Amino acid sequence: MGRTWQGVVEDVRSYRRDRSTGDDSTAQYEDYVRVRYRTDAGKRGKITFKRRQFDAALPGVKPGDRLIKEAGSYYPRKADTH
């Protein structure tokens, strides 16, 4: 959480995980989004969000977008493009 970095989004993928306990016949699913990035220093990383967290933190982020992670922030933010 304390590191500062900047980088580029390489991949954004959505997936669904089965959260059922197996005790009943009701299926329970949770949607996730995984963002893979490469920092300007060349290091690769990934962040996995629950869908609602992703929609709040990085709405509309796509490959090629720049991210900025500041010290003290839990998630990176999308860099302004102006």
PDB file of N, CA and C in Angstrom:
ATOM      1  N   MET A   1       0.821  -1.201   0.000  1.00  0.00           N
ATOM      2  CA  MET A   1       0.000   0.000   0.000  1.00  0.00           C
ATOM      3  C   MET A   1       0.860   1.257   0.000  1.00  0.00           C
ATOM      4  N   GLY A   2       2.100   1.219   0.421  1.00  0.00           N
ATOM      5  CA  GLY A   2       2.898   2.406   0.571  1.00  0.00           C
ATOM      6  C   GLY A   2       3.709   2.811  -0.645  1.00  0.00           C
ATOM      7  N   ARG A   3       3.766   1.968  -1.678  1.00  0.00           N
ATOM      8  CA  ARG A   3       4.596   2.280  -2.838  1.00  0.00           C
ATOM      9  C   ARG A   3       3.932   3.287  -3.764  1.00  0.00           C
ATOM     10  N   THR A   4       4.772   4.051  -4.449  1.00  0.00           N
ATOM     11  CA  THR A   4       4.308   4.958  -5.489  1.00  0.00           C
ATOM     12  C   THR A   4       4.831   4.446  -6.825  1.00  0.00           C
ATOM     13  N   TRP A   5       3.958   4.379  -7.819  1.00  0.00           N
ATOM     14  CA  TRP A   5       4.382   3.966  -9.151  1.00  0.00           C
ATOM     15  C   TRP A   5       3.421   4.510 -10.190  1.00  0.00           C
ATOM     16  N   GLN A   6       3.875   4.499 -11.437  1.00  0.00           N
ATOM     17  CA  GLN A   6       3.045   4.834 -12.585  1.00  0.00           C
ATOM     18  C   GLN A   6       3.235   3.737 -13.615  1.00  0.00           C
ATOM     19  N   GLY A   7       2.197   3.475 -14.380  1.00  0.00           N
ATOM     20  CA  GLY A   7       2.311   2.424 -15.371  1.00  0.00           C
ATOM     21  C   GLY A   7       1.163   2.420 -16.352  1.00  0.00           C
ATOM     22  N   VAL A   8       1.133   1.373 -17.179  1.00  0.00           N
ATOM     23  CA  VAL A   8       0.146   1.238 -18.247  1.00  0.00           C
ATOM     24  C   VAL A   8      -0.619  -0.063 -18.062  1.00  0.00           C
ATOM     25  N   VAL A   9      -1.931  -0.002 -18.248  1.00  0.00           N
ATOM     26  CA  VAL A   9      -2.783  -1.191 -18.179  1.00  0.00           C
ATOM     27  C   VAL A   9      -2.506  -2.063 -19.396  1.00  0.00           C
ATOM     28  N   GLU A  10      -2.220  -3.341 -19.161  1.00  0.00           N
ATOM     29  CA  GLU A  10      -1.978  -4.277 -20.260  1.00  0.00           C
ATOM     30  C   GLU A  10      -3.188  -5.143 -20.561  1.00  0.00           C
ATOM     31  N   ASP A  11      -4.003  -5.451 -19.536  1.00  0.00           N
ATOM     32  CA  ASP A  11      -5.132  -6.362 -19.736  1.00  0.00           C
ATOM     33  C   ASP A  11      -6.169  -6.127 -18.649  1.00  0.00           C
ATOM     34  N   VAL A  12      -7.440  -6.233 -19.015  1.00  0.00           N
ATOM     35  CA  VAL A  12      -8.551  -6.143 -18.059  1.00  0.00           C
ATOM     36  C   VAL A  12      -9.482  -7.304 -18.371  1.00  0.00           C
ATOM     37  N   ARG A  13      -9.695  -8.166 -17.381  1.00  0.00           N
ATOM     38  CA  ARG A  13     -10.564  -9.339 -17.588  1.00  0.00           C
ATOM     39  C   ARG A  13     -11.562  -9.466 -16.454  1.00  0.00           C
ATOM     40  N   SER A  14     -12.782  -9.829 -16.817  1.00  0.00           N
ATOM     41  CA  SER A  14     -13.842 -10.090 -15.851  1.00  0.00           C
ATOM     42  C   SER A  14     -14.023 -11.590 -15.711  1.00  0.00           C
ATOM     43  N   TYR A  15     -14.355 -12.017 -14.522  1.00  0.00           N
ATOM     44  CA  TYR A  15     -14.683 -13.428 -14.318  1.00  0.00           C
ATOM     45  C   TYR A  15     -15.622 -13.562 -13.135  1.00  0.00           C
ATOM     46  N   ARG A  16     -16.232 -14.717 -13.032  1.00  0.00           N
ATOM     47  CA  ARG A  16     -17.202 -14.998 -11.982  1.00  0.00           C
ATOM     48  C   ARG A  16     -16.694 -16.170 -11.163  1.00  0.00           C
ATOM     49  N   ARG A  17     -16.771 -16.046  -9.853  1.00  0.00           N
ATOM     50  CA  ARG A  17     -16.325 -17.099  -8.945  1.00  0.00           C
ATOM     51  C   ARG A  17     -17.529 -17.631  -8.161  1.00  0.00           C
ATOM     52  N   ASP A  18     -17.611 -18.932  -8.081  1.00  0.00           N
ATOM     53  CA  ASP A  18     -18.677 -19.591  -7.326  1.00  0.00           C
ATOM     54  C   ASP A  18     -18.392 -19.438  -5.839  1.00  0.00           C
ATOM     55  N   ARG A  19     -19.308 -18.823  -5.115  1.00  0.00           N
ATOM     56  CA  ARG A  19     -19.144 -18.610  -3.681  1.00  0.00           C
ATOM     57  C   ARG A  19     -20.103 -19.487  -2.869  1.00  0.00           C
ATOM     58  N   SER A  20     -20.681 -20.498  -3.510  1.00  0.00           N
ATOM     59  CA  SER A  20     -21.630 -21.384  -2.836  1.00  0.00           C
ATOM     60  C   SER A  20     -20.934 -22.162  -1.730  1.00  0.00           C
ATOM     61  N   THR A  21     -21.669 -22.424  -0.679  1.00  0.00           N
ATOM     62  CA  THR A  21     -21.114 -23.188   0.438  1.00  0.00           C
ATOM     63  C   THR A  21     -21.269 -24.683   0.222  1.00  0.00           C
ATOM     64  N   GLY A  22     -22.147 -25.076  -0.691  1.00  0.00           N
ATOM     65  CA  GLY A  22     -22.369 -26.488  -0.947  1.00  0.00           C
ATOM     66  C   GLY A  22     -23.439 -27.090  -0.050  1.00  0.00           C
ATOM     67  N   ASP A  23     -23.926 -26.330   0.925  1.00  0.00           N
ATOM     68  CA  ASP A  23     -24.939 -26.825   1.859  1.00  0.00           C
ATOM     69  C   ASP A  23     -26.345 -26.786   1.291  1.00  0.00           C
ATOM     70  N   ASP A  24     -26.590 -25.902   0.357  1.00  0.00           N
ATOM     71  CA  ASP A  24     -27.924 -25.830  -0.236  1.00  0.00           C
ATOM     72  C   ASP A  24     -27.805 -25.796  -1.755  1.00  0.00           C
ATOM     73  N   SER A  25     -28.928 -25.806  -2.423  1.00  0.00           N
ATOM     74  CA  SER A  25     -28.912 -25.877  -3.877  1.00  0.00           C
ATOM     75  C   SER A  25     -28.866 -24.497  -4.535  1.00  0.00           C
ATOM     76  N   THR A  26     -28.779 -23.422  -3.747  1.00  0.00           N
ATOM     77  CA  THR A  26     -28.749 -22.079  -4.295  1.00  0.00           C
ATOM     78  C   THR A  26     -27.314 -21.688  -4.654  1.00  0.00           C
ATOM     79  N   ALA A  27     -27.088 -21.416  -5.927  1.00  0.00           N
ATOM     80  CA  ALA A  27     -25.756 -21.000  -6.376  1.00  0.00           C
ATOM     81  C   ALA A  27     -25.552 -19.526  -6.028  1.00  0.00           C
ATOM     82  N   GLN A  28     -24.364 -19.211  -5.534  1.00  0.00           N
ATOM     83  CA  GLN A  28     -24.012 -17.830  -5.209  1.00  0.00           C
ATOM     84  C   GLN A  28     -22.721 -17.495  -5.945  1.00  0.00           C
ATOM     85  N   TYR A  29     -22.764 -16.425  -6.708  1.00  0.00           N
ATOM     86  CA  TYR A  29     -21.608 -16.033  -7.509  1.00  0.00           C
ATOM     87  C   TYR A  29     -21.175 -14.626  -7.150  1.00  0.00           C
ATOM     88  N   GLU A  30     -19.898 -14.379  -7.324  1.00  0.00           N
ATOM     89  CA  GLU A  30     -19.326 -13.044  -7.128  1.00  0.00           C
ATOM     90  C   GLU A  30     -18.545 -12.703  -8.395  1.00  0.00           C
ATOM     91  N   ASP A  31     -18.765 -11.504  -8.929  1.00  0.00           N
ATOM     92  CA  ASP A  31     -18.063 -11.057 -10.133  1.00  0.00           C
ATOM     93  C   ASP A  31     -16.796 -10.303  -9.741  1.00  0.00           C
ATOM     94  N   TYR A  32     -15.712 -10.581 -10.461  1.00  0.00           N
ATOM     95  CA  TYR A  32     -14.415  -9.969 -10.212  1.00  0.00           C
ATOM     96  C   TYR A  32     -13.847  -9.388 -11.496  1.00  0.00           C
ATOM     97  N   VAL A  33     -12.915  -8.448 -11.346  1.00  0.00           N
ATOM     98  CA  VAL A  33     -12.181  -7.876 -12.476  1.00  0.00           C
ATOM     99  C   VAL A  33     -10.702  -7.910 -12.106  1.00  0.00           C
ATOM    100  N   ARG A  34      -9.876  -8.425 -13.004  1.00  0.00           N
ATOM    101  CA  ARG A  34      -8.427  -8.451 -12.784  1.00  0.00           C
ATOM    102  C   ARG A  34      -7.776  -7.492 -13.775  1.00  0.00           C
ATOM    103  N   VAL A  35      -6.992  -6.562 -13.245  1.00  0.00           N
ATOM    104  CA  VAL A  35      -6.271  -5.580 -14.056  1.00  0.00           C
ATOM    105  C   VAL A  35      -4.789  -5.929 -14.000  1.00  0.00           C
ATOM    106  N   ARG A  36      -4.196  -6.184 -15.149  1.00  0.00           N
ATOM    107  CA  ARG A  36      -2.745  -6.429 -15.237  1.00  0.00           C
ATOM    108  C   ARG A  36      -2.105  -5.163 -15.796  1.00  0.00           C
ATOM    109  N   TYR A  37      -0.958  -4.801 -15.212  1.00  0.00           N
ATOM    110  CA  TYR A  37      -0.289  -3.567 -15.600  1.00  0.00           C
ATOM    111  C   TYR A  37       1.221  -3.769 -15.640  1.00  0.00           C
ATOM    112  N   ARG A  38       1.896  -2.810 -16.272  1.00  0.00           N
ATOM    113  CA  ARG A  38       3.362  -2.775 -16.286  1.00  0.00           C
ATOM    114  C   ARG A  38       3.759  -1.368 -15.853  1.00  0.00           C
ATOM    115  N   THR A  39       4.611  -1.296 -14.831  1.00  0.00           N
ATOM    116  CA  THR A  39       5.065   0.007 -14.348  1.00  0.00           C
ATOM    117  C   THR A  39       6.066   0.601 -15.330  1.00  0.00           C
ATOM    118  N   ASP A  40       6.315   1.885 -15.184  1.00  0.00           N
ATOM    119  CA  ASP A  40       7.302   2.555 -16.034  1.00  0.00           C
ATOM    120  C   ASP A  40       8.698   1.977 -15.811  1.00  0.00           C
ATOM    121  N   ALA A  41       8.927   1.359 -14.651  1.00  0.00           N
ATOM    122  CA  ALA A  41      10.218   0.713 -14.358  1.00  0.00           C
ATOM    123  C   ALA A  41      10.302  -0.686 -14.964  1.00  0.00           C
ATOM    124  N   GLY A  42       9.209  -1.158 -15.599  1.00  0.00           N
ATOM    125  CA  GLY A  42       9.215  -2.453 -16.267  1.00  0.00           C
ATOM    126  C   GLY A  42       8.668  -3.601 -15.446  1.00  0.00           C
ATOM    127  N   LYS A  43       8.286  -3.354 -14.191  1.00  0.00           N
ATOM    128  CA  LYS A  43       7.755  -4.417 -13.347  1.00  0.00           C
ATOM    129  C   LYS A  43       6.285  -4.664 -13.687  1.00  0.00           C
ATOM    130  N   ARG A  44       5.919  -5.940 -13.765  1.00  0.00           N
ATOM    131  CA  ARG A  44       4.521  -6.305 -14.030  1.00  0.00           C
ATOM    132  C   ARG A  44       3.803  -6.584 -12.719  1.00  0.00           C
ATOM    133  N   GLY A  45       2.513  -6.290 -12.715  1.00  0.00           N
ATOM    134  CA  GLY A  45       1.702  -6.554 -11.533  1.00  0.00           C
ATOM    135  C   GLY A  45       0.258  -6.770 -11.915  1.00  0.00           C
ATOM    136  N   LYS A  46      -0.548  -7.130 -10.923  1.00  0.00           N
ATOM    137  CA  LYS A  46      -1.978  -7.313 -11.152  1.00  0.00           C
ATOM    138  C   LYS A  46      -2.722  -6.920  -9.893  1.00  0.00           C
ATOM    139  N   ILE A  47      -3.942  -6.472 -10.092  1.00  0.00           N
ATOM    140  CA  ILE A  47      -4.837  -6.120  -9.003  1.00  0.00           C
ATOM    141  C   ILE A  47      -6.167  -6.793  -9.294  1.00  0.00           C
ATOM    142  N   THR A  48      -6.722  -7.465  -8.302  1.00  0.00           N
ATOM    143  CA  THR A  48      -8.026  -8.098  -8.453  1.00  0.00           C
ATOM    144  C   THR A  48      -9.037  -7.334  -7.615  1.00  0.00           C
ATOM    145  N   PHE A  49     -10.126  -6.948  -8.250  1.00  0.00           N
ATOM    146  CA  PHE A  49     -11.198  -6.189  -7.609  1.00  0.00           C
ATOM    147  C   PHE A  49     -12.480  -7.004  -7.629  1.00  0.00           C
ATOM    148  N   LYS A  50     -13.323  -6.845  -6.623  1.00  0.00           N
ATOM    149  CA  LYS A  50     -14.717  -7.241  -6.781  1.00  0.00           C
ATOM    150  C   LYS A  50     -15.303  -6.241  -7.769  1.00  0.00           C
ATOM    151  N   ARG A  51     -16.272  -6.655  -8.553  1.00  0.00           N
ATOM    152  CA  ARG A  51     -16.816  -5.814  -9.624  1.00  0.00           C
ATOM    153  C   ARG A  51     -17.236  -4.438  -9.108  1.00  0.00           C
ATOM    154  N   ARG A  52     -17.909  -4.373  -7.990  1.00  0.00           N
ATOM    155  CA  ARG A  52     -18.385  -3.073  -7.495  1.00  0.00           C
ATOM    156  C   ARG A  52     -17.219  -2.184  -7.054  1.00  0.00           C
ATOM    157  N   GLN A  53     -16.144  -2.779  -6.557  1.00  0.00           N
ATOM    158  CA  GLN A  53     -14.956  -1.993  -6.202  1.00  0.00           C
ATOM    159  C   GLN A  53     -14.300  -1.424  -7.458  1.00  0.00           C
ATOM    160  N   PHE A  54     -14.203  -2.253  -8.489  1.00  0.00           N
ATOM    161  CA  PHE A  54     -13.619  -1.813  -9.758  1.00  0.00           C
ATOM    162  C   PHE A  54     -14.420  -0.664 -10.346  1.00  0.00           C
ATOM    163  N   ASP A  55     -15.744  -0.810 -10.362  1.00  0.00           N
ATOM    164  CA  ASP A  55     -16.600   0.228 -10.938  1.00  0.00           C
ATOM    165  C   ASP A  55     -16.454   1.551 -10.192  1.00  0.00           C
ATOM    166  N   ALA A  56     -16.176   1.498  -8.896  1.00  0.00           N
ATOM    167  CA  ALA A  56     -15.995   2.718  -8.103  1.00  0.00           C
ATOM    168  C   ALA A  56     -14.585   3.287  -8.253  1.00  0.00           C
ATOM    169  N   ALA A  57     -13.567   2.406  -8.292  1.00  0.00           N
ATOM    170  CA  ALA A  57     -12.172   2.859  -8.282  1.00  0.00           C
ATOM    171  C   ALA A  57     -11.634   3.198  -9.671  1.00  0.00           C
ATOM    172  N   LEU A  58     -11.944   2.388 -10.664  1.00  0.00           N
ATOM    173  CA  LEU A  58     -11.367   2.552 -12.006  1.00  0.00           C
ATOM    174  C   LEU A  58     -12.420   2.387 -13.100  1.00  0.00           C
ATOM    175  N   PRO A  59     -13.498   3.158 -13.064  1.00  0.00           N
ATOM    176  CA  PRO A  59     -14.556   2.951 -14.065  1.00  0.00           C
ATOM    177  C   PRO A  59     -14.049   3.186 -15.482  1.00  0.00           C
ATOM    178  N   GLY A  60     -14.336   2.250 -16.354  1.00  0.00           N
ATOM    179  CA  GLY A  60     -14.001   2.396 -17.763  1.00  0.00           C
ATOM    180  C   GLY A  60     -12.535   2.223 -18.111  1.00  0.00           C
ATOM    181  N   VAL A  61     -11.712   1.747 -17.188  1.00  0.00           N
ATOM    182  CA  VAL A  61     -10.292   1.572 -17.502  1.00  0.00           C
ATOM    183  C   VAL A  61     -10.137   0.444 -18.517  1.00  0.00           C
ATOM    184  N   LYS A  62      -9.200   0.617 -19.446  1.00  0.00           N
ATOM    185  CA  LYS A  62      -8.991  -0.370 -20.515  1.00  0.00           C
ATOM    186  C   LYS A  62      -7.508  -0.440 -20.840  1.00  0.00           C
ATOM    187  N   PRO A  63      -7.082  -1.477 -21.559  1.00  0.00           N
ATOM    188  CA  PRO A  63      -5.674  -1.582 -21.946  1.00  0.00           C
ATOM    189  C   PRO A  63      -5.192  -0.306 -22.635  1.00  0.00           C
ATOM    190  N   GLY A  64      -3.989   0.116 -22.265  1.00  0.00           N
ATOM    191  CA  GLY A  64      -3.413   1.337 -22.806  1.00  0.00           C
ATOM    192  C   GLY A  64      -3.580   2.545 -21.905  1.00  0.00           C
ATOM    193  N   ASP A  65      -4.530   2.486 -20.973  1.00  0.00           N
ATOM    194  CA  ASP A  65      -4.728   3.597 -20.034  1.00  0.00           C
ATOM    195  C   ASP A  65      -3.574   3.646 -19.040  1.00  0.00           C
ATOM    196  N   ARG A  66      -3.234   4.846 -18.591  1.00  0.00           N
ATOM    197  CA  ARG A  66      -2.175   5.016 -17.602  1.00  0.00           C
ATOM    198  C   ARG A  66      -2.773   5.022 -16.202  1.00  0.00           C
ATOM    199  N   LEU A  67      -2.054   4.391 -15.277  1.00  0.00           N
ATOM    200  CA  LEU A  67      -2.436   4.365 -13.872  1.00  0.00           C
ATOM    201  C   LEU A  67      -1.368   5.059 -13.036  1.00  0.00           C
ATOM    202  N   ILE A  68      -1.815   5.663 -11.941  1.00  0.00           N
ATOM    203  CA  ILE A  68      -0.905   6.278 -10.982  1.00  0.00           C
ATOM    204  C   ILE A  68      -1.275   5.745  -9.602  1.00  0.00           C
ATOM    205  N   LYS A  69      -0.307   5.151  -8.929  1.00  0.00           N
ATOM    206  CA  LYS A  69      -0.494   4.658  -7.563  1.00  0.00           C
ATOM    207  C   LYS A  69       0.331   5.559  -6.652  1.00  0.00           C
ATOM    208  N   GLU A  70      -0.335   6.217  -5.727  1.00  0.00           N
ATOM    209  CA  GLU A  70       0.340   7.127  -4.810  1.00  0.00           C
ATOM    210  C   GLU A  70       0.473   6.485  -3.443  1.00  0.00           C
ATOM    211  N   ALA A  71       1.547   6.804  -2.741  1.00  0.00           N
ATOM    212  CA  ALA A  71       1.770   6.285  -1.387  1.00  0.00           C
ATOM    213  C   ALA A  71       0.582   6.658  -0.515  1.00  0.00           C
ATOM    214  N   GLY A  72       0.095   5.692   0.244  1.00  0.00           N
ATOM    215  CA  GLY A  72      -1.042   5.919   1.129  1.00  0.00           C
ATOM    216  C   GLY A  72      -2.389   5.604   0.507  1.00  0.00           C
ATOM    217  N   SER A  73      -2.456   5.469  -0.810  1.00  0.00           N
ATOM    218  CA  SER A  73      -3.702   5.106  -1.491  1.00  0.00           C
ATOM    219  C   SER A  73      -3.752   3.594  -1.640  1.00  0.00           C
ATOM    220  N   TYR A  74      -4.925   3.021  -1.407  1.00  0.00           N
ATOM    221  CA  TYR A  74      -5.058   1.575  -1.504  1.00  0.00           C
ATOM    222  C   TYR A  74      -5.038   1.120  -2.958  1.00  0.00           C
ATOM    223  N   TYR A  75      -5.767   1.858  -3.824  1.00  0.00           N
ATOM    224  CA  TYR A  75      -5.843   1.514  -5.238  1.00  0.00           C
ATOM    225  C   TYR A  75      -5.185   2.606  -6.076  1.00  0.00           C
ATOM    226  N   PRO A  76      -4.711   2.241  -7.275  1.00  0.00           N
ATOM    227  CA  PRO A  76      -4.241   3.280  -8.190  1.00  0.00           C
ATOM    228  C   PRO A  76      -5.438   4.027  -8.762  1.00  0.00           C
ATOM    229  N   ARG A  77      -5.156   5.123  -9.413  1.00  0.00           N
ATOM    230  CA  ARG A  77      -6.199   5.875 -10.100  1.00  0.00           C
ATOM    231  C   ARG A  77      -5.816   6.009 -11.565  1.00  0.00           C
ATOM    232  N   LYS A  78      -6.815   6.250 -12.391  1.00  0.00           N
ATOM    233  CA  LYS A  78      -6.566   6.454 -13.815  1.00  0.00           C
ATOM    234  C   LYS A  78      -5.989   7.844 -13.985  1.00  0.00           C
ATOM    235  N   ALA A  79      -4.910   7.959 -14.755  1.00  0.00           N
ATOM    236  CA  ALA A  79      -4.262   9.260 -14.983  1.00  0.00           C
ATOM    237  C   ALA A  79      -5.151  10.126 -15.874  1.00  0.00           C
ATOM    238  N   ASP A  80      -5.141  11.418 -15.591  1.00  0.00           N
ATOM    239  CA  ASP A  80      -5.873  12.363 -16.443  1.00  0.00           C
ATOM    240  C   ASP A  80      -5.223  12.384 -17.821  1.00  0.00           C
ATOM    241  N   THR A  81      -6.053  12.492 -18.847  1.00  0.00           N
ATOM    242  CA  THR A  81      -5.528  12.460 -20.213  1.00  0.00           C
ATOM    243  C   THR A  81      -5.498  13.829 -20.858  1.00  0.00           C
ATOM    244  N   HIS A  82      -5.837  14.887 -20.134  1.00  0.00           N
ATOM    245  CA  HIS A  82      -5.796  16.216 -20.752  1.00  0.00           C
ATOM    246  C   HIS A  82      -4.410  16.755 -20.718  1.00  0.00           C
TER     247      HIS A  82
END
